[in-house]
Amino acid sequence: MRIYSIDEAFLGIRGSPEHVLGLGRDMNAAVQRNIGVPVCVGIASIKTLAKLANKWAKHNPALGGVCRWESMPAAERETLMSRLPVVEIWGVASRLSRRLTAIGICSILDLSRADPVMLRDRFSVVMMRTVLELRGTPCIPLEEERAGRDQLIFSRSFSTPIATVPELRQILSVYAQQASARLARHGLQAKVLTAFAGTSAYSPQDTSFPSVCVPLPMPTADPVLLTRAAHGLLPAIQEGVRYVRAGIMVTDLRPTGNQKPLELIANPHEERNIGPLMEEISRKYGRGAIGLGFAGLKNGVDWSMKRGMRSPRYTTRWDELPVVRAA
């Protein structure tokens, strides 16, 4: 199984046409019964065609929300593909569809009949694979979801612009220590930290988008090292310029303890578990209860993002569930 997006997933199954079609109907009914959300199930031997089958199920009430591509008559499949513009196919965005339309490829059927080698040369190998999949040749395998993470990003827009280096130092310190806590929570260490800031894209007076990439001396989740690395952005900050956003990103992640450092360059803070200790305190007493250096905030900050208009988090917070009282 591969989770493709927040509301979509691919599932590899085996069985007869009747079995897989029945399984699709069972899945559709189970989601409707247990969650109350209408869904559609598209079934095909190829991922691109499964997406087309799903689209057909959405717009054809007679199918009851479930469509198996190979079960539909060939003439009906061709008619559908001729009616759908090429932008409706998986992986073709509006800009790419305009380029395809310019060379006479307007519908999905046109795309399926195009020369795949020509499309590879003019566009990309991904476009060639799409054409081959439309013709019935599987080219996009069902990928297993990776257990690891590639990167962690902490970035926010400010409620009020920041125009001083000390305030940016405080913000970067907070974000670096939040990254440390997240790394410790997932048992990871980072080898590279990138810090960045930016002014508003709509401000003609202030234009500044500094960034810095800092290789860390060893894979680490230590809040002290991460904070020092984040402060590497400060020399590029222009005093008086109104920054509206800043953030840090840690990359080249690996499991904690996967690479033991040499004794001469071992980090004493890491050995004392400073990061996990701060995370434990924050979990017990609330975020912001503890911080190192410039991130040790005694009072609330006025640059943090305002969330007064945020929708209630009914599905993740017990204390935000709606309460029904009888009159």
Protein backbone atom coordinates (compact mmCIF):
# COMPACT_ATOMS: atom_id res chain seq x y z
CA MET A 1 0.00 0.00 0.00
CA ARG A 2 1.19 3.52 -0.77
CA ILE A 3 -0.45 6.61 0.75
CA TYR A 4 -0.34 9.12 -2.10
CA SER A 5 -1.99 12.14 -0.46
CA ILE A 6 -4.20 13.09 2.48
CA ASP A 7 -7.27 11.58 0.80
CA GLU A 8 -5.84 9.06 -1.65
CA ALA A 9 -3.93 5.78 -1.56
CA PHE A 10 -2.88 2.97 -3.89
CA LEU A 11 -3.37 -0.64 -2.81
CA GLY A 12 -1.97 -3.69 -4.59
CA ILE A 13 -4.38 -6.65 -4.58
CA ARG A 14 -4.65 -10.01 -6.36
CA GLY A 15 -7.70 -12.00 -7.38
CA SER A 16 -10.27 -12.59 -10.06
CA PRO A 17 -12.13 -9.64 -11.65
CA GLU A 18 -15.20 -10.48 -9.58
CA HIS A 19 -13.16 -10.66 -6.35
CA VAL A 20 -11.40 -7.31 -6.79
CA LEU A 21 -14.62 -5.59 -7.86
CA GLY A 22 -16.40 -6.97 -4.79
CA LEU A 23 -13.53 -5.87 -2.58
CA GLY A 24 -13.78 -2.35 -4.00
CA ARG A 25 -17.48 -2.24 -3.22
CA ASP A 26 -16.84 -3.52 0.31
CA MET A 27 -14.23 -0.79 0.86
CA ASN A 28 -16.57 1.88 -0.46
CA ALA A 29 -19.41 0.72 1.78
CA ALA A 30 -17.16 0.37 4.85
CA VAL A 31 -15.87 3.94 4.62
CA GLN A 32 -19.40 5.26 4.08
CA ARG A 33 -20.75 3.23 7.02
CA ASN A 34 -17.97 3.82 9.54
CA ILE A 35 -16.87 7.37 8.68
CA GLY A 36 -19.75 8.79 6.69
CA VAL A 37 -17.53 10.13 3.92
CA PRO A 38 -18.37 9.26 0.30
CA VAL A 39 -15.37 7.83 -1.57
CA CYS A 40 -14.70 6.34 -5.00
CA VAL A 41 -12.63 3.29 -5.82
CA GLY A 42 -10.87 2.94 -9.16
CA ILE A 43 -9.50 -0.49 -10.05
CA ALA A 44 -7.04 -1.28 -12.83
CA SER A 45 -3.88 -3.25 -13.46
CA ILE A 46 -1.96 0.03 -13.95
CA LYS A 47 -1.83 3.04 -11.62
CA THR A 48 -2.57 5.68 -14.27
CA LEU A 49 -5.59 3.71 -15.46
CA ALA A 50 -6.73 3.19 -11.85
CA LYS A 51 -6.78 6.99 -11.51
CA LEU A 52 -8.90 7.22 -14.67
CA ALA A 53 -11.25 4.55 -13.32
CA ASN A 54 -11.60 6.52 -10.10
CA LYS A 55 -12.47 9.66 -12.07
CA TRP A 56 -15.07 7.71 -14.06
CA ALA A 57 -16.61 6.37 -10.84
CA LYS A 58 -16.94 9.93 -9.52
CA HIS A 59 -18.90 11.20 -12.51
CA ASN A 60 -21.04 8.15 -13.28
CA PRO A 61 -23.65 7.55 -10.54
CA ALA A 62 -24.65 4.24 -12.14
CA LEU A 63 -21.31 2.73 -11.04
CA GLY A 64 -22.04 3.28 -7.35
CA GLY A 65 -18.64 4.79 -6.66
CA VAL A 66 -16.64 1.76 -7.86
CA CYS A 67 -15.18 1.22 -11.32
CA ARG A 68 -12.91 -1.51 -12.66
CA TRP A 69 -11.28 -0.18 -15.83
CA GLU A 70 -10.93 -3.50 -17.65
CA SER A 71 -14.60 -4.36 -16.99
CA MET A 72 -15.84 -1.40 -19.02
CA PRO A 73 -16.41 -1.85 -22.79
CA ALA A 74 -13.49 -0.66 -24.91
CA ALA A 75 -15.73 1.76 -26.81
CA GLU A 76 -16.85 3.44 -23.58
CA ARG A 77 -13.25 3.74 -22.34
CA GLU A 78 -12.21 5.39 -25.62
CA THR A 79 -15.18 7.76 -25.52
CA LEU A 80 -14.29 8.85 -21.98
CA MET A 81 -10.65 9.45 -22.88
CA SER A 82 -11.68 11.50 -25.91
CA ARG A 83 -13.92 13.73 -23.78
CA LEU A 84 -11.45 14.38 -20.97
CA PRO A 85 -8.88 17.15 -21.61
CA VAL A 86 -5.26 16.15 -21.18
CA VAL A 87 -5.00 18.24 -18.00
CA GLU A 88 -7.23 15.65 -16.30
CA ILE A 89 -4.60 12.91 -16.53
CA TRP A 90 -2.46 12.15 -13.49
CA GLY A 91 0.75 14.19 -13.46
CA VAL A 92 -0.18 16.75 -16.14
CA ALA A 93 -0.54 20.24 -14.68
CA SER A 94 -2.09 23.26 -16.42
CA ARG A 95 1.21 24.63 -17.74
CA LEU A 96 2.22 21.27 -19.18
CA SER A 97 -1.24 20.79 -20.69
CA ARG A 98 -0.88 24.09 -22.57
CA ARG A 99 2.39 22.88 -24.10
CA LEU A 100 0.75 19.59 -25.09
CA THR A 101 -2.24 21.40 -26.59
CA ALA A 102 0.13 23.54 -28.64
CA ILE A 103 1.37 20.41 -30.45
CA GLY A 104 -2.11 19.02 -31.01
CA ILE A 105 -2.49 16.81 -27.94
CA CYS A 106 -5.76 18.05 -26.46
CA SER A 107 -7.45 14.99 -24.93
CA ILE A 108 -6.28 11.99 -22.95
CA LEU A 109 -7.00 9.87 -26.02
CA ASP A 110 -4.67 12.10 -28.07
CA LEU A 111 -1.97 11.58 -25.46
CA SER A 112 -2.39 7.80 -25.49
CA ARG A 113 -1.86 7.79 -29.29
CA ALA A 114 1.16 10.12 -29.27
CA ASP A 115 4.73 8.98 -29.94
CA PRO A 116 6.24 8.20 -26.49
CA VAL A 117 9.84 8.70 -27.68
CA MET A 118 9.00 12.13 -29.08
CA LEU A 119 7.33 13.11 -25.80
CA ARG A 120 10.33 11.88 -23.83
CA ASP A 121 12.64 14.05 -25.94
CA ARG A 122 10.41 17.14 -25.84
CA PHE A 123 9.17 16.83 -22.25
CA SER A 124 10.49 14.12 -19.92
CA VAL A 125 10.75 10.40 -19.31
CA VAL A 126 7.80 10.78 -16.90
CA MET A 127 5.59 11.86 -19.81
CA MET A 128 6.73 8.85 -21.82
CA ARG A 129 5.81 6.56 -18.93
CA THR A 130 2.35 8.14 -18.75
CA VAL A 131 1.74 7.40 -22.43
CA LEU A 132 2.93 3.80 -22.04
CA GLU A 133 0.67 3.32 -19.03
CA LEU A 134 -2.31 4.64 -20.98
CA ARG A 135 -1.51 1.98 -23.58
CA GLY A 136 -1.45 -0.77 -20.96
CA THR A 137 2.26 -1.05 -20.14
CA PRO A 138 2.94 -0.67 -16.38
CA CYS A 139 5.80 1.77 -15.79
CA ILE A 140 5.07 3.25 -12.35
CA PRO A 141 5.53 0.60 -9.63
CA LEU A 142 3.65 0.51 -6.36
CA GLU A 143 6.21 2.01 -3.98
CA GLU A 144 6.43 1.05 -0.35
CA GLU A 145 6.10 3.95 2.06
CA ARG A 146 9.47 4.85 3.48
CA ALA A 147 9.80 4.63 7.24
CA GLY A 148 12.47 7.32 7.40
CA ARG A 149 12.33 11.06 6.80
CA ASP A 150 14.37 13.12 4.39
CA GLN A 151 14.11 16.44 6.19
CA LEU A 152 12.38 18.45 8.89
CA ILE A 153 11.34 22.07 8.35
CA PHE A 154 10.33 24.67 10.91
CA SER A 155 9.08 27.82 9.21
CA ARG A 156 6.44 30.39 10.14
CA SER A 157 5.17 33.75 9.00
CA PHE A 158 5.28 36.40 11.71
CA SER A 159 2.20 38.18 13.02
CA THR A 160 4.20 41.42 12.88
CA PRO A 161 7.32 42.09 10.75
CA ILE A 162 10.72 41.67 12.43
CA ALA A 163 13.35 44.33 11.72
CA THR A 164 16.14 43.68 14.26
CA VAL A 165 18.92 41.11 14.49
CA PRO A 166 18.24 40.27 18.19
CA GLU A 167 14.64 39.36 17.39
CA LEU A 168 15.71 37.15 14.47
CA ARG A 169 18.30 35.54 16.77
CA GLN A 170 15.54 34.69 19.23
CA ILE A 171 13.33 33.23 16.50
CA LEU A 172 16.10 31.08 15.03
CA SER A 173 16.97 29.85 18.53
CA VAL A 174 13.38 28.78 19.16
CA TYR A 175 13.10 27.00 15.80
CA ALA A 176 16.45 25.23 16.20
CA GLN A 177 15.44 23.88 19.60
CA GLN A 178 12.05 22.79 18.24
CA ALA A 179 13.95 20.90 15.55
CA SER A 180 16.12 19.30 18.23
CA ALA A 181 13.02 18.15 20.11
CA ARG A 182 11.45 16.70 16.96
CA LEU A 183 14.63 14.86 16.04
CA ALA A 184 14.90 13.41 19.54
CA ARG A 185 11.24 12.33 19.41
CA HIS A 186 11.84 10.37 16.22
CA GLY A 187 15.26 9.00 17.18
CA LEU A 188 17.06 10.92 14.42
CA GLN A 189 20.14 13.07 13.99
CA ALA A 190 20.91 15.64 11.28
CA LYS A 191 24.13 16.35 9.42
CA VAL A 192 23.13 19.62 7.70
CA LEU A 193 21.15 22.67 8.84
CA THR A 194 19.81 25.37 6.53
CA ALA A 195 18.50 28.67 7.93
CA PHE A 196 16.60 31.25 5.92
CA ALA A 197 14.50 34.41 6.22
CA GLY A 198 12.52 36.54 3.83
CA THR A 199 10.69 39.79 3.33
CA SER A 200 7.20 40.09 1.88
CA ALA A 201 6.89 39.44 -1.84
CA TYR A 202 4.48 42.40 -1.95
CA SER A 203 6.84 44.93 -0.37
CA PRO A 204 8.67 47.06 -2.98
CA GLN A 205 10.84 48.77 -0.34
CA ASP A 206 12.33 45.76 1.47
CA THR A 207 13.70 42.88 -0.59
CA SER A 208 15.92 40.41 1.23
CA PHE A 209 15.94 36.60 1.18
CA PRO A 210 19.11 35.47 2.96
CA SER A 211 19.91 31.80 3.58
CA VAL A 212 22.84 29.78 4.83
CA CYS A 213 23.64 26.06 4.68
CA VAL A 214 25.76 24.81 7.59
CA PRO A 215 27.35 21.31 7.56
CA LEU A 216 27.34 20.06 11.15
CA PRO A 217 30.56 18.54 12.57
CA MET A 218 28.76 15.25 13.22
CA PRO A 219 25.24 13.82 12.99
CA THR A 220 23.47 15.48 15.91
CA ALA A 221 20.19 16.42 17.54
CA ASP A 222 21.91 18.59 20.15
CA PRO A 223 19.98 21.88 20.68
CA VAL A 224 23.22 23.78 21.39
CA LEU A 225 24.89 22.79 18.11
CA LEU A 226 21.72 23.32 16.10
CA THR A 227 21.18 26.77 17.63
CA ARG A 228 24.75 27.83 16.90
CA ALA A 229 24.39 26.63 13.31
CA ALA A 230 21.10 28.53 12.88
CA HIS A 231 22.80 31.72 14.09
CA GLY A 232 25.07 31.44 11.04
CA LEU A 233 22.30 33.32 9.19
CA LEU A 234 22.60 36.43 11.36
CA PRO A 235 25.53 38.11 9.50
CA ALA A 236 23.33 38.13 6.37
CA ILE A 237 20.39 39.83 8.14
CA GLN A 238 19.98 43.52 7.24
CA GLU A 239 19.15 45.63 10.27
CA GLY A 240 16.01 47.68 9.71
CA VAL A 241 14.66 45.47 6.90
CA ARG A 242 11.19 44.12 7.73
CA TYR A 243 11.30 40.31 7.59
CA VAL A 244 7.98 38.50 7.60
CA ARG A 245 9.16 34.89 7.62
CA ALA A 246 12.05 32.75 8.82
CA GLY A 247 12.79 29.10 9.31
CA ILE A 248 15.30 26.30 9.50
CA MET A 249 15.56 22.95 7.76
CA VAL A 250 17.59 19.96 8.92
CA THR A 251 18.58 17.38 6.31
CA ASP A 252 20.78 14.32 5.79
CA LEU A 253 18.92 12.57 8.61
CA ARG A 254 20.01 9.26 10.06
CA PRO A 255 19.05 7.12 13.07
CA THR A 256 20.53 8.14 16.42
CA GLY A 257 23.65 6.15 17.27
CA ASN A 258 24.07 4.96 13.71
CA GLN A 259 27.47 6.63 13.49
CA LYS A 260 29.45 6.95 16.72
CA PRO A 261 31.76 10.00 16.65
CA LEU A 262 35.45 9.83 17.42
CA GLU A 263 36.21 10.45 21.09
CA LEU A 264 38.16 13.63 20.29
CA ILE A 265 35.16 15.31 18.67
CA ALA A 266 32.39 13.80 20.79
CA ASN A 267 29.75 16.31 21.84
CA PRO A 268 29.30 16.52 25.65
CA HIS A 269 25.76 17.92 25.36
CA GLU A 270 24.70 14.92 23.31
CA GLU A 271 26.12 12.53 25.93
CA ARG A 272 24.14 14.31 28.65
CA ASN A 273 20.89 13.98 26.65
CA ILE A 274 20.13 17.70 26.82
CA GLY A 275 17.75 17.49 23.85
CA PRO A 276 15.62 14.58 25.15
CA LEU A 277 15.54 16.23 28.59
CA MET A 278 14.16 19.47 27.15
CA GLU A 279 11.59 17.54 25.15
CA GLU A 280 10.46 15.66 28.29
CA ILE A 281 10.05 18.93 30.21
CA SER A 282 8.13 20.53 27.33
CA ARG A 283 5.85 17.51 27.05
CA LYS A 284 5.10 17.68 30.79
CA TYR A 285 4.78 21.44 31.29
CA GLY A 286 3.91 22.70 27.81
CA ARG A 287 5.75 24.05 24.79
CA GLY A 288 7.82 27.09 25.73
CA ALA A 289 8.30 25.98 29.35
CA ILE A 290 12.06 25.70 28.79
CA GLY A 291 14.61 27.00 26.32
CA LEU A 292 18.34 27.54 25.99
CA GLY A 293 19.94 30.96 25.62
CA PHE A 294 17.88 33.33 23.49
CA ALA A 295 15.09 30.76 23.24
CA GLY A 296 14.51 30.83 27.01
CA LEU A 297 11.43 33.03 26.88
CA LYS A 298 9.92 34.23 30.13
CA ASN A 299 7.06 36.09 28.50
CA GLY A 300 5.01 35.50 25.40
CA VAL A 301 6.36 36.79 22.10
CA ASP A 302 4.50 39.17 19.82
CA TRP A 303 5.98 37.80 16.57
CA SER A 304 4.45 34.33 16.81
CA MET A 305 1.81 33.43 14.24
CA LYS A 306 -1.70 34.40 15.25
CA ARG A 307 -4.22 31.56 15.12
CA GLY A 308 -7.43 33.29 16.18
CA MET A 309 -9.24 32.22 13.00
CA ARG A 310 -8.02 28.61 13.03
CA SER A 311 -10.68 25.96 12.50
CA PRO A 312 -11.38 23.69 15.50
CA ARG A 313 -9.30 20.50 15.53
CA TYR A 314 -12.17 18.10 16.11
CA THR A 315 -10.28 15.02 14.92
CA THR A 316 -7.08 15.47 16.96
CA ARG A 317 -7.94 17.37 20.17
CA TRP A 318 -10.40 16.08 22.80
CA ASP A 319 -10.74 19.53 24.36
CA GLU A 320 -11.92 21.01 21.03
CA LEU A 321 -14.69 18.50 20.36
CA PRO A 322 -18.10 20.16 19.92
CA VAL A 323 -20.43 19.69 22.88
CA VAL A 324 -24.13 19.04 22.38
CA ARG A 325 -26.44 19.93 25.25
CA ALA A 326 -30.11 19.10 25.46
CA ALA A 327 -32.36 22.13 25.77
